[in-house]
C-alpha cells in the first residue's frame, strides 16, 4: 500500500493536448510581453536577447509548473536542482526586472491552466505599461544640458574664448569636470548649461565649433542623460 502511494506521487498524469495548449498560451503572451518591452524601452541600448528571453522564459515557467503539478516531492526536487545554478548576469534597469517577473507570472498562470487569467493579465498590464510610457509618467523634465568638449588652449592666459559664447547662449553654466586626454595640452571639459533658447542649440554648438582650440563638442539634453 505504501509503495503504491509513493508511486502515485511520482506519476505524471498530463494530457498532451493540455500541455500544448498551455505552451501556446505562454508563447502568445510572451510575444505580447516582448513587444511591450520593445515599445516601452527607454534605456541607452536595446537588447534583442532580453526580448527573446521574455518569450522563452514564459514557456519554460509553464513547463516547470506542469511538471511540478500538485507533487510536493517534485517541487522540492526542482528547488534542489535550481540551487546549484549560479546566475551572474546583473540586471541594471529596474524595468528589466519588472518584465522578467511579468513573464514569470504569466508563465505560472499558463502552467496551471489558467489561460483566461494569463491572457487578461498580459493585455491589462501591457496596456498600463504602454500608457505610462506614452504619457511619460514619472519622467523628470529639465532645461539643463551637459556640454562636453576637448580644449587645447592656454589655461593660464585668462578667460578662455569659449566662455563668451557660453555666456551669450546660456542663462547659467557650471563646470563639473576637467580631465587630461593624455596630452598635457588637451583637456576634456564638462559643463552643466541651461540654454536661453533651446531652439538655438545647433547654433550654439556651431559657434563653439568655430573656435580653433575646441574639438569633440557634444551637447546632451536632459532626456538623453536620463536614458
Protein backbone atom coordinates (compact mmCIF):
# COMPACT_ATOMS: atom_id res chain seq x y z
CA UNK A 1 0.00 0.00 0.00
CA UNK A 2 2.79 2.37 0.92
CA UNK A 3 4.61 1.51 -2.32
CA UNK A 4 1.51 2.34 -4.32
CA UNK A 5 1.19 5.72 -2.60
CA UNK A 6 4.80 6.63 -3.41
CA UNK A 7 4.36 5.50 -7.00
CA UNK A 8 1.23 7.59 -7.38
CA UNK A 9 3.13 10.64 -6.22
CA UNK A 10 5.76 10.15 -8.93
CA UNK A 11 3.29 9.57 -11.77
CA UNK A 12 2.61 12.47 -14.13
CA UNK A 13 -0.90 12.24 -15.49
CA UNK A 14 -0.99 15.01 -18.10
CA UNK A 15 -2.72 15.08 -21.46
CA UNK A 16 -0.64 16.14 -24.45
CA UNK A 17 -3.35 18.49 -25.65
CA UNK A 18 -3.35 20.37 -22.35
CA UNK A 19 0.43 20.75 -22.44
CA UNK A 20 0.40 22.11 -25.98
CA UNK A 21 -2.46 24.49 -25.18
CA UNK A 22 -0.68 25.85 -22.10
CA UNK A 23 2.56 26.30 -24.04
CA UNK A 24 0.70 28.09 -26.84
CA UNK A 25 -0.87 30.50 -24.34
CA UNK A 26 2.54 31.12 -22.76
CA UNK A 27 4.11 31.71 -26.18
CA UNK A 28 1.46 34.19 -27.33
CA UNK A 29 1.51 36.06 -24.03
CA UNK A 30 5.31 36.09 -24.15
CA UNK A 31 5.18 37.66 -27.61
CA UNK A 32 2.95 40.44 -26.28
CA UNK A 33 5.24 40.99 -23.29
CA UNK A 34 8.34 41.12 -25.51
CA UNK A 35 6.69 43.58 -27.91
CA UNK A 36 5.61 45.75 -24.98
CA UNK A 37 9.19 45.73 -23.69
CA UNK A 38 10.44 46.81 -27.11
CA UNK A 39 7.89 49.63 -27.41
CA UNK A 40 8.43 50.98 -23.89
CA UNK A 41 12.22 50.59 -23.71
CA UNK A 42 13.90 53.83 -22.68
CA UNK A 43 17.46 52.77 -21.95
CA UNK A 44 20.68 53.53 -23.75
CA UNK A 45 20.95 50.32 -25.80
CA UNK A 46 18.11 47.95 -26.66
CA UNK A 47 18.89 44.26 -26.12
CA UNK A 48 17.26 41.78 -28.51
CA UNK A 49 18.31 38.91 -26.24
CA UNK A 50 16.12 40.19 -23.39
CA UNK A 51 13.07 40.32 -25.67
CA UNK A 52 13.69 36.76 -26.82
CA UNK A 53 14.31 35.66 -23.24
CA UNK A 54 10.95 37.02 -22.11
CA UNK A 55 9.15 34.76 -24.59
CA UNK A 56 11.15 31.65 -23.75
CA UNK A 57 11.02 32.37 -20.01
CA UNK A 58 7.22 32.30 -20.01
CA UNK A 59 7.23 28.95 -21.81
CA UNK A 60 9.91 27.43 -19.55
CA UNK A 61 8.00 28.52 -16.46
CA UNK A 62 4.89 26.88 -17.89
CA UNK A 63 6.74 23.59 -18.39
CA UNK A 64 8.13 23.75 -14.85
CA UNK A 65 4.69 24.27 -13.34
CA UNK A 66 3.22 21.44 -15.43
CA UNK A 67 5.98 19.09 -14.28
CA UNK A 68 5.52 20.02 -10.62
CA UNK A 69 1.73 19.83 -10.68
CA UNK A 70 0.46 19.00 -7.18
CA UNK A 71 3.52 16.92 -6.33
CA UNK A 72 5.43 18.30 -3.36
CA UNK A 73 8.33 15.89 -3.90
CA UNK A 74 8.92 17.17 -7.44
CA UNK A 75 8.73 20.75 -6.21
CA UNK A 76 11.48 20.16 -3.65
CA UNK A 77 13.50 18.30 -6.27
CA UNK A 78 13.29 21.26 -8.62
CA UNK A 79 14.35 23.68 -5.88
CA UNK A 80 17.36 21.48 -5.18
CA UNK A 81 18.31 21.37 -8.85
CA UNK A 82 17.97 25.13 -9.26
CA UNK A 83 20.08 25.80 -6.16
CA UNK A 84 23.22 24.57 -7.92
CA UNK A 85 22.81 27.09 -10.73
CA UNK A 86 24.64 30.39 -10.33
CA UNK A 87 23.17 33.42 -12.12
CA UNK A 88 25.87 36.05 -12.61
CA UNK A 89 24.16 38.41 -15.06
CA UNK A 90 23.48 41.77 -13.39
CA UNK A 91 20.18 43.42 -14.31
CA UNK A 92 20.79 47.17 -14.07
CA UNK A 93 17.46 48.60 -15.24
CA UNK A 94 14.60 48.12 -12.74
CA UNK A 95 12.13 47.85 -15.61
CA UNK A 96 14.02 44.83 -16.96
CA UNK A 97 13.36 43.13 -13.61
CA UNK A 98 9.69 44.10 -13.86
CA UNK A 99 9.38 42.49 -17.31
CA UNK A 100 11.20 39.34 -16.17
CA UNK A 101 8.81 39.00 -13.22
CA UNK A 102 5.91 39.78 -15.59
CA UNK A 103 6.93 36.92 -17.88
CA UNK A 104 7.42 34.53 -14.95
CA UNK A 105 3.99 35.33 -13.55
CA UNK A 106 2.22 34.78 -16.86
CA UNK A 107 4.12 31.52 -17.28
CA UNK A 108 2.86 30.41 -13.87
CA UNK A 109 -0.73 31.20 -14.82
CA UNK A 110 -0.43 29.36 -18.13
CA UNK A 111 1.24 26.40 -16.44
CA UNK A 112 -1.66 25.76 -14.07
CA UNK A 113 -4.13 26.03 -16.94
CA UNK A 114 -5.50 29.48 -16.11
CA UNK A 115 -5.36 30.69 -19.71
CA UNK A 116 -8.01 33.35 -19.15
CA UNK A 117 -6.05 34.94 -16.31
CA UNK A 118 -2.80 34.73 -18.31
CA UNK A 119 -4.32 36.45 -21.35
CA UNK A 120 -6.25 39.13 -19.44
CA UNK A 121 -3.27 39.79 -17.18
CA UNK A 122 -0.91 40.14 -20.14
CA UNK A 123 -3.17 42.53 -22.03
CA UNK A 124 -4.05 44.62 -18.97
CA UNK A 125 -0.51 45.03 -17.65
CA UNK A 126 0.89 45.66 -21.14
CA UNK A 127 -1.74 48.36 -21.70
CA UNK A 128 -0.78 50.07 -18.43
CA UNK A 129 2.93 49.96 -19.33
CA UNK A 130 2.25 51.37 -22.80
CA UNK A 131 0.09 54.19 -21.44
CA UNK A 132 2.70 55.11 -18.81
CA UNK A 133 5.40 55.14 -21.48
CA UNK A 134 3.27 57.20 -23.87
CA UNK A 135 2.46 59.95 -21.37
CA UNK A 136 5.96 59.91 -19.91
CA UNK A 137 4.72 59.19 -16.41
CA UNK A 138 7.45 59.52 -13.79
CA UNK A 139 9.92 61.28 -16.08
CA UNK A 140 11.61 64.45 -14.89
CA UNK A 141 11.98 67.22 -17.42
CA UNK A 142 14.67 69.84 -17.04
CA UNK A 143 16.24 72.60 -19.12
CA UNK A 144 19.70 71.51 -18.02
CA UNK A 145 22.10 70.11 -20.62
CA UNK A 146 25.52 68.53 -20.47
CA UNK A 147 28.17 70.24 -22.60
CA UNK A 148 31.43 68.39 -23.26
CA UNK A 149 34.36 69.36 -25.43
CA UNK A 150 38.13 68.94 -25.79
CA UNK A 151 40.11 72.16 -25.20
CA UNK A 152 43.74 72.58 -26.25
CA UNK A 153 44.18 76.27 -25.49
CA UNK A 154 46.15 78.01 -22.76
CA UNK A 155 44.59 77.52 -19.30
CA UNK A 156 46.75 80.17 -17.69
CA UNK A 157 46.15 83.01 -20.11
CA UNK A 158 43.00 84.45 -18.58
CA UNK A 159 39.42 83.68 -19.53
CA UNK A 160 39.17 81.11 -22.35
CA UNK A 161 37.44 82.26 -25.55
CA UNK A 162 34.58 79.75 -25.31
CA UNK A 163 33.26 81.41 -22.14
CA UNK A 164 31.91 84.37 -24.12
CA UNK A 165 29.92 82.04 -26.37
CA UNK A 166 28.55 80.11 -23.39
CA UNK A 167 27.52 83.33 -21.67
CA UNK A 168 25.71 84.59 -24.77
CA UNK A 169 23.66 81.39 -25.21
CA UNK A 170 23.15 80.16 -21.64
CA UNK A 171 21.24 81.52 -18.66
CA UNK A 172 23.54 79.60 -16.33
CA UNK A 173 26.53 77.30 -16.56
CA UNK A 174 28.57 75.27 -14.09
CA UNK A 175 31.84 73.48 -14.73
CA UNK A 176 31.60 69.93 -13.35
CA UNK A 177 34.72 68.17 -14.61
CA UNK A 178 38.14 68.70 -16.19
CA UNK A 179 40.38 65.80 -17.13
CA UNK A 180 43.51 65.33 -19.20
CA UNK A 181 43.18 63.49 -22.51
CA UNK A 182 46.70 62.09 -22.36
CA UNK A 183 48.36 65.21 -23.67
CA UNK A 184 49.39 67.98 -21.31
CA UNK A 185 47.95 70.47 -23.80
CA UNK A 186 44.46 68.98 -24.23
CA UNK A 187 41.70 68.54 -21.67
CA UNK A 188 38.13 67.30 -21.72
CA UNK A 189 35.91 69.88 -20.04
CA UNK A 190 32.32 69.29 -18.95
CA UNK A 191 29.66 71.89 -18.09
CA UNK A 192 26.07 71.80 -16.98
CA UNK A 193 24.40 74.55 -19.01
CA UNK A 194 20.88 75.95 -19.22
CA UNK A 195 20.18 77.38 -22.66
CA UNK A 196 18.34 80.67 -23.08
CA UNK A 197 16.65 79.33 -26.21
CA UNK A 198 16.52 75.55 -26.68
CA UNK A 199 15.71 76.02 -30.37
CA UNK A 200 19.13 77.60 -30.90
CA UNK A 201 21.11 74.65 -29.56
CA UNK A 202 22.55 73.84 -33.00
CA UNK A 203 23.65 77.44 -33.44
CA UNK A 204 25.33 77.29 -30.02
CA UNK A 205 27.29 74.16 -30.96
CA UNK A 206 28.18 75.63 -34.36
CA UNK A 207 29.69 78.74 -32.78
CA UNK A 208 31.75 76.63 -30.40
CA UNK A 209 32.93 74.53 -33.34
CA UNK A 210 34.27 77.69 -34.96
CA UNK A 211 36.93 78.05 -32.27
CA UNK A 212 40.31 76.59 -33.22
CA UNK A 213 41.09 75.35 -29.71
CA UNK A 214 37.87 73.32 -29.34
CA UNK A 215 37.22 69.80 -30.61
CA UNK A 216 34.84 66.86 -30.00
CA UNK A 217 31.95 69.12 -28.97
CA UNK A 218 28.85 67.35 -27.64
CA UNK A 219 25.65 68.77 -26.15
CA UNK A 220 23.43 66.25 -24.35
CA UNK A 221 19.83 67.05 -23.46
CA UNK A 222 18.23 66.12 -20.14
CA UNK A 223 16.20 63.38 -21.88
CA UNK A 224 19.30 61.67 -23.29
CA UNK A 225 21.02 61.92 -19.89
CA UNK A 226 18.12 60.26 -18.09
CA UNK A 227 18.25 57.37 -20.56
